[in-house]
PDB file of all heavy atoms in Angstrom:
ATOM      1  N   LEU A   1    -139.483 137.501 -13.435  1.00  0.00           N
ATOM      2  CA  LEU A   1    -139.914 138.323 -12.306  1.00  0.00           C
ATOM      3  C   LEU A   1    -141.408 138.181 -12.024  1.00  0.00           C
ATOM      4  O   LEU A   1    -141.847 138.437 -10.904  1.00  0.00           O
ATOM      5  CB  LEU A   1    -139.551 139.785 -12.544  1.00  0.00           C
ATOM      6  CG  LEU A   1    -138.041 140.081 -12.470  1.00  0.00           C
ATOM      7  CD1 LEU A   1    -137.754 141.519 -12.862  1.00  0.00           C
ATOM      8  CD2 LEU A   1    -137.511 139.794 -11.065  1.00  0.00           C
ATOM      9  N   ARG A   2    -142.171 137.753 -13.005  1.00  0.00           N
ATOM     10  CA  ARG A   2    -143.581 137.479 -12.738  1.00  0.00           C
ATOM     11  C   ARG A   2    -143.726 136.308 -11.770  1.00  0.00           C
ATOM     12  O   ARG A   2    -144.688 136.248 -10.999  1.00  0.00           O
ATOM     13  CB  ARG A   2    -144.325 137.179 -14.043  1.00  0.00           C
ATOM     14  CG  ARG A   2    -144.965 138.391 -14.682  1.00  0.00           C
ATOM     15  CD  ARG A   2    -145.925 138.016 -15.785  1.00  0.00           C
ATOM     16  NE  ARG A   2    -145.238 137.689 -17.012  1.00  0.00           N
ATOM     17  CZ  ARG A   2    -144.875 138.591 -17.922  1.00  0.00           C
ATOM     18  NH1 ARG A   2    -145.130 139.876 -17.721  1.00  0.00           N
ATOM     19  NH2 ARG A   2    -144.248 138.215 -19.019  1.00  0.00           N
ATOM     20  N   HIS A   3    -142.774 135.411 -11.808  1.00  0.00           N
ATOM     21  CA  HIS A   3    -142.831 134.229 -10.947  1.00  0.00           C
ATOM     22  C   HIS A   3    -142.015 134.389  -9.666  1.00  0.00           C
ATOM     23  O   HIS A   3    -142.219 133.650  -8.700  1.00  0.00           O
ATOM     24  CB  HIS A   3    -142.357 132.995 -11.716  1.00  0.00           C
ATOM     25  CG  HIS A   3    -143.169 132.730 -12.949  1.00  0.00           C
ATOM     26  ND1 HIS A   3    -144.525 132.445 -12.900  1.00  0.00           N
ATOM     27  CD2 HIS A   3    -142.834 132.726 -14.268  1.00  0.00           C
ATOM     28  CE1 HIS A   3    -144.976 132.264 -14.134  1.00  0.00           C
ATOM     29  NE2 HIS A   3    -143.975 132.442 -14.970  1.00  0.00           N
ATOM     30  N   ASP A   4    -141.074 135.326  -9.656  1.00  0.00           N
ATOM     31  CA  ASP A   4    -140.292 135.602  -8.447  1.00  0.00           C
ATOM     32  C   ASP A   4    -139.801 137.046  -8.521  1.00  0.00           C
ATOM     33  O   ASP A   4    -138.729 137.327  -9.066  1.00  0.00           O
ATOM     34  CB  ASP A   4    -139.111 134.635  -8.322  1.00  0.00           C
ATOM     35  CG  ASP A   4    -138.276 134.907  -7.066  1.00  0.00           C
ATOM     36  OD1 ASP A   4    -138.701 135.725  -6.224  1.00  0.00           O
ATOM     37  OD2 ASP A   4    -137.189 134.301  -6.934  1.00  0.00           O
ATOM     38  N   ALA A   5    -140.593 137.936  -7.962  1.00  0.00           N
ATOM     39  CA  ALA A   5    -140.294 139.371  -8.056  1.00  0.00           C
ATOM     40  C   ALA A   5    -139.135 139.794  -7.170  1.00  0.00           C
ATOM     41  O   ALA A   5    -138.682 140.938  -7.251  1.00  0.00           O
ATOM     42  CB  ALA A   5    -141.535 140.178  -7.688  1.00  0.00           C
ATOM     43  N   THR A   6    -138.625 138.890  -6.316  1.00  0.00           N
ATOM     44  CA  THR A   6    -137.554 139.262  -5.390  1.00  0.00           C
ATOM     45  C   THR A   6    -136.189 138.722  -5.822  1.00  0.00           C
ATOM     46  O   THR A   6    -135.235 138.773  -5.054  1.00  0.00           O
ATOM     47  CB  THR A   6    -137.864 138.738  -3.966  1.00  0.00           C
ATOM     48  OG1 THR A   6    -137.922 137.304  -3.981  1.00  0.00           O
ATOM     49  CG2 THR A   6    -139.177 139.302  -3.455  1.00  0.00           C
ATOM     50  N   ASN A   7    -136.090 138.223  -7.037  1.00  0.00           N
ATOM     51  CA  ASN A   7    -134.800 137.746  -7.555  1.00  0.00           C
ATOM     52  C   ASN A   7    -133.944 138.960  -7.911  1.00  0.00           C
ATOM     53  O   ASN A   7    -134.152 139.601  -8.934  1.00  0.00           O
ATOM     54  CB  ASN A   7    -135.013 136.854  -8.780  1.00  0.00           C
ATOM     55  CG  ASN A   7    -133.710 136.269  -9.309  1.00  0.00           C
ATOM     56  OD1 ASN A   7    -132.625 136.802  -9.087  1.00  0.00           O
ATOM     57  ND2 ASN A   7    -133.821 135.159 -10.010  1.00  0.00           N
ATOM     58  N   ARG A   8    -132.975 139.253  -7.048  1.00  0.00           N
ATOM     59  CA  ARG A   8    -132.216 140.493  -7.238  1.00  0.00           C
ATOM     60  C   ARG A   8    -131.364 140.471  -8.510  1.00  0.00           C
ATOM     61  O   ARG A   8    -131.144 141.525  -9.114  1.00  0.00           O
ATOM     62  CB  ARG A   8    -131.340 140.755  -6.008  1.00  0.00           C
ATOM     63  CG  ARG A   8    -130.298 139.717  -5.716  1.00  0.00           C
ATOM     64  CD  ARG A   8    -129.728 139.888  -4.332  1.00  0.00           C
ATOM     65  NE  ARG A   8    -128.630 138.977  -4.110  1.00  0.00           N
ATOM     66  CZ  ARG A   8    -128.114 138.721  -2.905  1.00  0.00           C
ATOM     67  NH1 ARG A   8    -128.615 139.314  -1.831  1.00  0.00           N
ATOM     68  NH2 ARG A   8    -127.102 137.883  -2.778  1.00  0.00           N
ATOM     69  N   ASP A   9    -130.884 139.296  -8.934  1.00  0.00           N
ATOM     70  CA  ASP A   9    -130.097 139.222 -10.169  1.00  0.00           C
ATOM     71  C   ASP A   9    -130.975 139.546 -11.378  1.00  0.00           C
ATOM     72  O   ASP A   9    -130.539 140.251 -12.295  1.00  0.00           O
ATOM     73  CB  ASP A   9    -129.479 137.831 -10.325  1.00  0.00           C
ATOM     74  CG  ASP A   9    -128.418 137.548  -9.272  1.00  0.00           C
ATOM     75  OD1 ASP A   9    -127.742 138.506  -8.855  1.00  0.00           O
ATOM     76  OD2 ASP A   9    -128.267 136.386  -8.869  1.00  0.00           O
ATOM     77  N   ALA A  10    -132.187 139.007 -11.382  1.00  0.00           N
ATOM     78  CA  ALA A  10    -133.099 139.279 -12.498  1.00  0.00           C
ATOM     79  C   ALA A  10    -133.502 140.749 -12.522  1.00  0.00           C
ATOM     80  O   ALA A  10    -133.594 141.363 -13.597  1.00  0.00           O
ATOM     81  CB  ALA A  10    -134.336 138.387 -12.390  1.00  0.00           C
ATOM     82  N   VAL A  11    -133.742 141.322 -11.345  1.00  0.00           N
ATOM     83  CA  VAL A  11    -134.092 142.748 -11.270  1.00  0.00           C
ATOM     84  C   VAL A  11    -132.957 143.602 -11.812  1.00  0.00           C
ATOM     85  O   VAL A  11    -133.161 144.512 -12.619  1.00  0.00           O
ATOM     86  CB  VAL A  11    -134.430 143.153  -9.813  1.00  0.00           C
ATOM     87  CG1 VAL A  11    -134.448 144.668  -9.668  1.00  0.00           C
ATOM     88  CG2 VAL A  11    -135.770 142.567  -9.402  1.00  0.00           C
ATOM     89  N   SER A  12    -131.739 143.301 -11.371  1.00  0.00           N
ATOM     90  CA  SER A  12    -130.586 144.085 -11.810  1.00  0.00           C
ATOM     91  C   SER A  12    -130.380 143.968 -13.319  1.00  0.00           C
ATOM     92  O   SER A  12    -130.125 144.967 -14.003  1.00  0.00           O
ATOM     93  CB  SER A  12    -129.332 143.612 -11.069  1.00  0.00           C
ATOM     94  OG  SER A  12    -128.209 144.385 -11.431  1.00  0.00           O
ATOM     95  N   ALA A  13    -130.531 142.738 -13.841  1.00  0.00           N
ATOM     96  CA  ALA A  13    -130.335 142.523 -15.282  1.00  0.00           C
ATOM     97  C   ALA A  13    -131.404 143.248 -16.100  1.00  0.00           C
ATOM     98  O   ALA A  13    -131.094 143.910 -17.099  1.00  0.00           O
ATOM     99  CB  ALA A  13    -130.355 141.028 -15.582  1.00  0.00           C
ATOM    100  N   LEU A  14    -132.665 143.126 -15.675  1.00  0.00           N
ATOM    101  CA  LEU A  14    -133.740 143.764 -16.421  1.00  0.00           C
ATOM    102  C   LEU A  14    -133.662 145.285 -16.327  1.00  0.00           C
ATOM    103  O   LEU A  14    -133.873 145.997 -17.318  1.00  0.00           O
ATOM    104  CB  LEU A  14    -135.096 143.273 -15.909  1.00  0.00           C
ATOM    105  CG  LEU A  14    -136.328 143.810 -16.659  1.00  0.00           C
ATOM    106  CD1 LEU A  14    -136.243 143.492 -18.149  1.00  0.00           C
ATOM    107  CD2 LEU A  14    -137.610 143.234 -16.058  1.00  0.00           C
ATOM    108  N   ALA A  15    -133.319 145.783 -15.145  1.00  0.00           N
ATOM    109  CA  ALA A  15    -133.173 147.236 -14.987  1.00  0.00           C
ATOM    110  C   ALA A  15    -132.070 147.763 -15.899  1.00  0.00           C
ATOM    111  O   ALA A  15    -132.198 148.845 -16.494  1.00  0.00           O
ATOM    112  CB  ALA A  15    -132.877 147.577 -13.532  1.00  0.00           C
ATOM    113  N   GLY A  16    -130.999 146.983 -16.023  1.00  0.00           N
ATOM    114  CA  GLY A  16    -129.913 147.387 -16.908  1.00  0.00           C
ATOM    115  C   GLY A  16    -130.360 147.468 -18.362  1.00  0.00           C
ATOM    116  O   GLY A  16    -130.018 148.413 -19.084  1.00  0.00           O
ATOM    117  N   LEU A  17    -131.133 146.471 -18.789  1.00  0.00           N
ATOM    118  CA  LEU A  17    -131.630 146.472 -20.169  1.00  0.00           C
ATOM    119  C   LEU A  17    -132.641 147.592 -20.403  1.00  0.00           C
ATOM    120  O   LEU A  17    -132.672 148.214 -21.477  1.00  0.00           O
ATOM    121  CB  LEU A  17    -132.249 145.121 -20.500  1.00  0.00           C
ATOM    122  CG  LEU A  17    -131.258 143.948 -20.601  1.00  0.00           C
ATOM    123  CD1 LEU A  17    -131.996 142.640 -20.874  1.00  0.00           C
ATOM    124  CD2 LEU A  17    -130.210 144.203 -21.676  1.00  0.00           C
ATOM    125  N   TYR A  18    -133.480 147.842 -19.395  1.00  0.00           N
ATOM    126  CA  TYR A  18    -134.408 148.963 -19.508  1.00  0.00           C
ATOM    127  C   TYR A  18    -133.653 150.282 -19.671  1.00  0.00           C
ATOM    128  O   TYR A  18    -134.011 151.129 -20.497  1.00  0.00           O
ATOM    129  CB  TYR A  18    -135.293 149.037 -18.261  1.00  0.00           C
ATOM    130  CG  TYR A  18    -136.501 148.129 -18.245  1.00  0.00           C
ATOM    131  CD1 TYR A  18    -137.276 148.000 -17.092  1.00  0.00           C
ATOM    132  CD2 TYR A  18    -136.889 147.405 -19.375  1.00  0.00           C
ATOM    133  CE1 TYR A  18    -138.398 147.175 -17.051  1.00  0.00           C
ATOM    134  CE2 TYR A  18    -138.000 146.583 -19.353  1.00  0.00           C
ATOM    135  CZ  TYR A  18    -138.751 146.470 -18.191  1.00  0.00           C
ATOM    136  OH  TYR A  18    -139.859 145.656 -18.156  1.00  0.00           O
ATOM    137  N   SER A  19    -132.612 150.460 -18.869  1.00  0.00           N
ATOM    138  CA  SER A  19    -131.837 151.701 -18.926  1.00  0.00           C
ATOM    139  C   SER A  19    -131.206 151.885 -20.296  1.00  0.00           C
ATOM    140  O   SER A  19    -131.210 152.984 -20.863  1.00  0.00           O
ATOM    141  CB  SER A  19    -130.749 151.694 -17.852  1.00  0.00           C
ATOM    142  OG  SER A  19    -131.313 151.729 -16.562  1.00  0.00           O
ATOM    143  N   GLU A  20    -130.648 150.800 -20.838  1.00  0.00           N
ATOM    144  CA  GLU A  20    -130.013 150.869 -22.155  1.00  0.00           C
ATOM    145  C   GLU A  20    -131.024 151.221 -23.242  1.00  0.00           C
ATOM    146  O   GLU A  20    -130.662 151.811 -24.270  1.00  0.00           O
ATOM    147  CB  GLU A  20    -129.337 149.538 -22.477  1.00  0.00           C
ATOM    148  CG  GLU A  20    -128.117 149.252 -21.615  1.00  0.00           C
ATOM    149  CD  GLU A  20    -127.576 147.847 -21.827  1.00  0.00           C
ATOM    150  OE1 GLU A  20    -128.018 147.163 -22.785  1.00  0.00           O
ATOM    151  OE2 GLU A  20    -126.702 147.423 -21.039  1.00  0.00           O
ATOM    152  N   ALA A  21    -132.276 150.867 -22.994  1.00  0.00           N
ATOM    153  CA  ALA A  21    -133.331 151.158 -23.972  1.00  0.00           C
ATOM    154  C   ALA A  21    -134.003 152.509 -23.703  1.00  0.00           C
ATOM    155  O   ALA A  21    -135.028 152.840 -24.324  1.00  0.00           O
ATOM    156  CB  ALA A  21    -134.372 150.051 -23.958  1.00  0.00           C
ATOM    157  N   GLY A  22    -133.455 153.293 -22.785  1.00  0.00           N
ATOM    158  CA  GLY A  22    -134.022 154.597 -22.470  1.00  0.00           C
ATOM    159  C   GLY A  22    -135.237 154.537 -21.568  1.00  0.00           C
ATOM    160  O   GLY A  22    -136.019 155.495 -21.524  1.00  0.00           O
ATOM    161  N   ARG A  23    -135.390 153.452 -20.847  1.00  0.00           N
ATOM    162  CA  ARG A  23    -136.553 153.280 -19.966  1.00  0.00           C
ATOM    163  C   ARG A  23    -136.118 153.368 -18.498  1.00  0.00           C
ATOM    164  O   ARG A  23    -136.367 152.501 -17.691  1.00  0.00           O
ATOM    165  CB  ARG A  23    -137.220 151.937 -20.256  1.00  0.00           C
ATOM    166  CG  ARG A  23    -137.686 151.795 -21.685  1.00  0.00           C
ATOM    167  CD  ARG A  23    -138.009 150.370 -22.085  1.00  0.00           C
ATOM    168  NE  ARG A  23    -139.121 149.798 -21.330  1.00  0.00           N
ATOM    169  CZ  ARG A  23    -139.565 148.552 -21.509  1.00  0.00           C
ATOM    170  NH1 ARG A  23    -139.000 147.763 -22.411  1.00  0.00           N
ATOM    171  NH2 ARG A  23    -140.569 148.102 -20.784  1.00  0.00           N
ATOM    172  N   SER A  24    -135.427 154.466 -18.174  1.00  0.00           N
ATOM    173  CA  SER A  24    -134.841 154.607 -16.831  1.00  0.00           C
ATOM    174  C   SER A  24    -135.877 154.642 -15.722  1.00  0.00           C
ATOM    175  O   SER A  24    -135.633 154.161 -14.617  1.00  0.00           O
ATOM    176  CB  SER A  24    -133.979 155.875 -16.771  1.00  0.00           C
ATOM    177  OG  SER A  24    -132.893 155.759 -17.648  1.00  0.00           O
ATOM    178  N   THR A  25    -137.038 155.235 -15.990  1.00  0.00           N
ATOM    179  CA  THR A  25    -138.082 155.304 -14.965  1.00  0.00           C
ATOM    180  C   THR A  25    -138.559 153.911 -14.590  1.00  0.00           C
ATOM    181  O   THR A  25    -138.720 153.595 -13.401  1.00  0.00           O
ATOM    182  CB  THR A  25    -139.277 156.145 -15.469  1.00  0.00           C
ATOM    183  OG1 THR A  25    -138.825 157.466 -15.786  1.00  0.00           O
ATOM    184  CG2 THR A  25    -140.358 156.230 -14.392  1.00  0.00           C
ATOM    185  N   GLU A  26    -138.760 153.067 -15.594  1.00  0.00           N
ATOM    186  CA  GLU A  26    -139.177 151.691 -15.313  1.00  0.00           C
ATOM    187  C   GLU A  26    -138.069 150.919 -14.597  1.00  0.00           C
ATOM    188  O   GLU A  26    -138.340 150.108 -13.716  1.00  0.00           O
ATOM    189  CB  GLU A  26    -139.541 150.986 -16.623  1.00  0.00           C
ATOM    190  CG  GLU A  26    -140.793 151.530 -17.291  1.00  0.00           C
ATOM    191  CD  GLU A  26    -140.983 150.943 -18.673  1.00  0.00           C
ATOM    192  OE1 GLU A  26    -141.529 149.832 -18.776  1.00  0.00           O
ATOM    193  OE2 GLU A  26    -140.568 151.593 -19.647  1.00  0.00           O
ATOM    194  N   ALA A  27    -136.830 151.211 -14.991  1.00  0.00           N
ATOM    195  CA  ALA A  27    -135.697 150.546 -14.345  1.00  0.00           C
ATOM    196  C   ALA A  27    -135.641 150.905 -12.859  1.00  0.00           C
ATOM    197  O   ALA A  27    -135.461 150.034 -12.003  1.00  0.00           O
ATOM    198  CB  ALA A  27    -134.399 150.954 -15.035  1.00  0.00           C
ATOM    199  N   GLU A  28    -135.807 152.192 -12.562  1.00  0.00           N
ATOM    200  CA  GLU A  28    -135.762 152.609 -11.164  1.00  0.00           C
ATOM    201  C   GLU A  28    -136.924 152.011 -10.374  1.00  0.00           C
ATOM    202  O   GLU A  28    -136.767 151.641  -9.204  1.00  0.00           O
ATOM    203  CB  GLU A  28    -135.786 154.132 -11.056  1.00  0.00           C
ATOM    204  CG  GLU A  28    -135.620 154.611  -9.616  1.00  0.00           C
ATOM    205  CD  GLU A  28    -135.326 156.094  -9.517  1.00  0.00           C
ATOM    206  OE1 GLU A  28    -135.548 156.826 -10.511  1.00  0.00           O
ATOM    207  OE2 GLU A  28    -134.863 156.516  -8.441  1.00  0.00           O
ATOM    208  N   SER A  29    -138.078 151.896 -10.999  1.00  0.00           N
ATOM    209  CA  SER A  29    -139.228 151.297 -10.321  1.00  0.00           C
ATOM    210  C   SER A  29    -138.938 149.854  -9.906  1.00  0.00           C
ATOM    211  O   SER A  29    -139.360 149.404  -8.833  1.00  0.00           O
ATOM    212  CB  SER A  29    -140.455 151.327 -11.238  1.00  0.00           C
ATOM    213  OG  SER A  29    -140.848 152.653 -11.489  1.00  0.00           O
ATOM    214  N   LEU A  30    -138.203 149.133 -10.741  1.00  0.00           N
ATOM    215  CA  LEU A  30    -137.819 147.759 -10.387  1.00  0.00           C
ATOM    216  C   LEU A  30    -136.948 147.745  -9.136  1.00  0.00           C
ATOM    217  O   LEU A  30    -137.161 146.950  -8.220  1.00  0.00           O
ATOM    218  CB  LEU A  30    -137.065 147.101 -11.549  1.00  0.00           C
ATOM    219  CG  LEU A  30    -137.864 146.692 -12.771  1.00  0.00           C
ATOM    220  CD1 LEU A  30    -136.925 146.215 -13.867  1.00  0.00           C
ATOM    221  CD2 LEU A  30    -138.854 145.591 -12.420  1.00  0.00           C
ATOM    222  N   HIS A  31    -135.947 148.626  -9.114  1.00  0.00           N
ATOM    223  CA  HIS A  31    -135.052 148.697  -7.950  1.00  0.00           C
ATOM    224  C   HIS A  31    -135.816 149.086  -6.683  1.00  0.00           C
ATOM    225  O   HIS A  31    -135.602 148.500  -5.604  1.00  0.00           O
ATOM    226  CB  HIS A  31    -133.932 149.703  -8.207  1.00  0.00           C
ATOM    227  CG  HIS A  31    -132.844 149.201  -9.085  1.00  0.00           C
ATOM    228  ND1 HIS A  31    -131.989 148.184  -8.728  1.00  0.00           N
ATOM    229  CD2 HIS A  31    -132.475 149.585 -10.346  1.00  0.00           C
ATOM    230  CE1 HIS A  31    -131.121 147.953  -9.704  1.00  0.00           C
ATOM    231  NE2 HIS A  31    -131.397 148.781 -10.701  1.00  0.00           N
ATOM    232  N   LEU A  32    -136.704 150.070  -6.790  1.00  0.00           N
ATOM    233  CA  LEU A  32    -137.443 150.535  -5.619  1.00  0.00           C
ATOM    234  C   LEU A  32    -138.390 149.459  -5.090  1.00  0.00           C
ATOM    235  O   LEU A  32    -138.544 149.302  -3.869  1.00  0.00           O
ATOM    236  CB  LEU A  32    -138.225 151.804  -5.964  1.00  0.00           C
ATOM    237  CG  LEU A  32    -137.372 153.049  -6.234  1.00  0.00           C
ATOM    238  CD1 LEU A  32    -138.244 154.207  -6.708  1.00  0.00           C
ATOM    239  CD2 LEU A  32    -136.578 153.445  -4.982  1.00  0.00           C
ATOM    240  N   ALA A  33    -139.012 148.716  -5.990  1.00  0.00           N
ATOM    241  CA  ALA A  33    -139.904 147.637  -5.560  1.00  0.00           C
ATOM    242  C   ALA A  33    -139.121 146.558  -4.822  1.00  0.00           C
ATOM    243  O   ALA A  33    -139.587 146.013  -3.808  1.00  0.00           O
ATOM    244  CB  ALA A  33    -140.620 147.036  -6.765  1.00  0.00           C
ATOM    245  N   LEU A  34    -137.922 146.263  -5.309  1.00  0.00           N
ATOM    246  CA  LEU A  34    -137.102 145.249  -4.644  1.00  0.00           C
ATOM    247  C   LEU A  34    -136.598 145.752  -3.297  1.00  0.00           C
ATOM    248  O   LEU A  34    -136.529 144.992  -2.329  1.00  0.00           O
ATOM    249  CB  LEU A  34    -135.928 144.852  -5.538  1.00  0.00           C
ATOM    250  CG  LEU A  34    -135.091 143.660  -5.050  1.00  0.00           C
ATOM    251  CD1 LEU A  34    -135.956 142.414  -4.894  1.00  0.00           C
ATOM    252  CD2 LEU A  34    -133.942 143.383  -6.011  1.00  0.00           C
ATOM    253  N   LEU A  35    -136.255 147.022  -3.226  1.00  0.00           N
ATOM    254  CA  LEU A  35    -135.846 147.601  -1.936  1.00  0.00           C
ATOM    255  C   LEU A  35    -136.964 147.515  -0.908  1.00  0.00           C
ATOM    256  O   LEU A  35    -136.721 147.254   0.276  1.00  0.00           O
ATOM    257  CB  LEU A  35    -135.438 149.074  -2.123  1.00  0.00           C
ATOM    258  CG  LEU A  35    -134.013 149.330  -2.603  1.00  0.00           C
ATOM    259  CD1 LEU A  35    -133.861 150.801  -2.981  1.00  0.00           C
ATOM    260  CD2 LEU A  35    -133.006 148.950  -1.518  1.00  0.00           C
ATOM    261  N   ALA A  36    -138.193 147.719  -1.343  1.00  0.00           N
ATOM    262  CA  ALA A  36    -139.334 147.615  -0.429  1.00  0.00           C
ATOM    263  C   ALA A  36    -139.522 146.178   0.037  1.00  0.00           C
ATOM    264  O   ALA A  36    -139.907 145.930   1.179  1.00  0.00           O
ATOM    265  CB  ALA A  36    -140.604 148.108  -1.126  1.00  0.00           C
ATOM    266  N   ALA A  37    -139.229 145.224  -0.852  1.00  0.00           N
ATOM    267  CA  ALA A  37    -139.411 143.814  -0.500  1.00  0.00           C
ATOM    268  C   ALA A  37    -138.247 143.276   0.327  1.00  0.00           C
ATOM    269  O   ALA A  37    -138.436 142.393   1.165  1.00  0.00           O
ATOM    270  CB  ALA A  37    -139.565 142.983  -1.774  1.00  0.00           C
ATOM    271  N   ARG A  38    -137.040 143.807   0.082  1.00  0.00           N
ATOM    272  CA  ARG A  38    -135.850 143.301   0.775  1.00  0.00           C
ATOM    273  C   ARG A  38    -135.042 144.469   1.341  1.00  0.00           C
ATOM    274  O   ARG A  38    -133.909 144.717   0.929  1.00  0.00           O
ATOM    275  CB  ARG A  38    -134.994 142.474  -0.186  1.00  0.00           C
ATOM    276  CG  ARG A  38    -135.745 141.309  -0.801  1.00  0.00           C
ATOM    277  CD  ARG A  38    -134.912 140.537  -1.823  1.00  0.00           C
ATOM    278  NE  ARG A  38    -133.787 139.853  -1.223  1.00  0.00           N
ATOM    279  CZ  ARG A  38    -133.104 138.875  -1.830  1.00  0.00           C
ATOM    280  NH1 ARG A  38    -133.453 138.476  -3.036  1.00  0.00           N
ATOM    281  NH2 ARG A  38    -132.085 138.300  -1.231  1.00  0.00           N
ATOM    282  N   PRO A  39    -135.608 145.191   2.312  1.00  0.00           N
ATOM    283  CA  PRO A  39    -134.963 146.410   2.794  1.00  0.00           C
ATOM    284  C   PRO A  39    -133.661 146.184   3.553  1.00  0.00           C
ATOM    285  O   PRO A  39    -132.868 147.121   3.702  1.00  0.00           O
ATOM    286  CB  PRO A  39    -136.031 147.015   3.716  1.00  0.00           C
ATOM    287  CG  PRO A  39    -136.850 145.849   4.163  1.00  0.00           C
ATOM    288  CD  PRO A  39    -136.891 144.938   2.987  1.00  0.00           C
ATOM    289  N   SER A  40    -133.421 144.963   4.021  1.00  0.00           N
ATOM    290  CA  SER A  40    -132.205 144.687   4.803  1.00  0.00           C
ATOM    291  C   SER A  40    -131.116 144.009   3.979  1.00  0.00           C
ATOM    292  O   SER A  40    -130.090 143.610   4.525  1.00  0.00           O
ATOM    293  CB  SER A  40    -132.550 143.802   6.006  1.00  0.00           C
ATOM    294  OG  SER A  40    -133.515 144.421   6.833  1.00  0.00           O
TER     295      SER A  40
END
């Protein structure tokens, strides 16, 4: 994601791992950032 922050598969995968590790706030931030970049 450092090299391509708009890769939705990578965002979804990382957010899932963050959530499993109890890092839900960081996971949601990933989703929200991607929504801002790809709103349609």
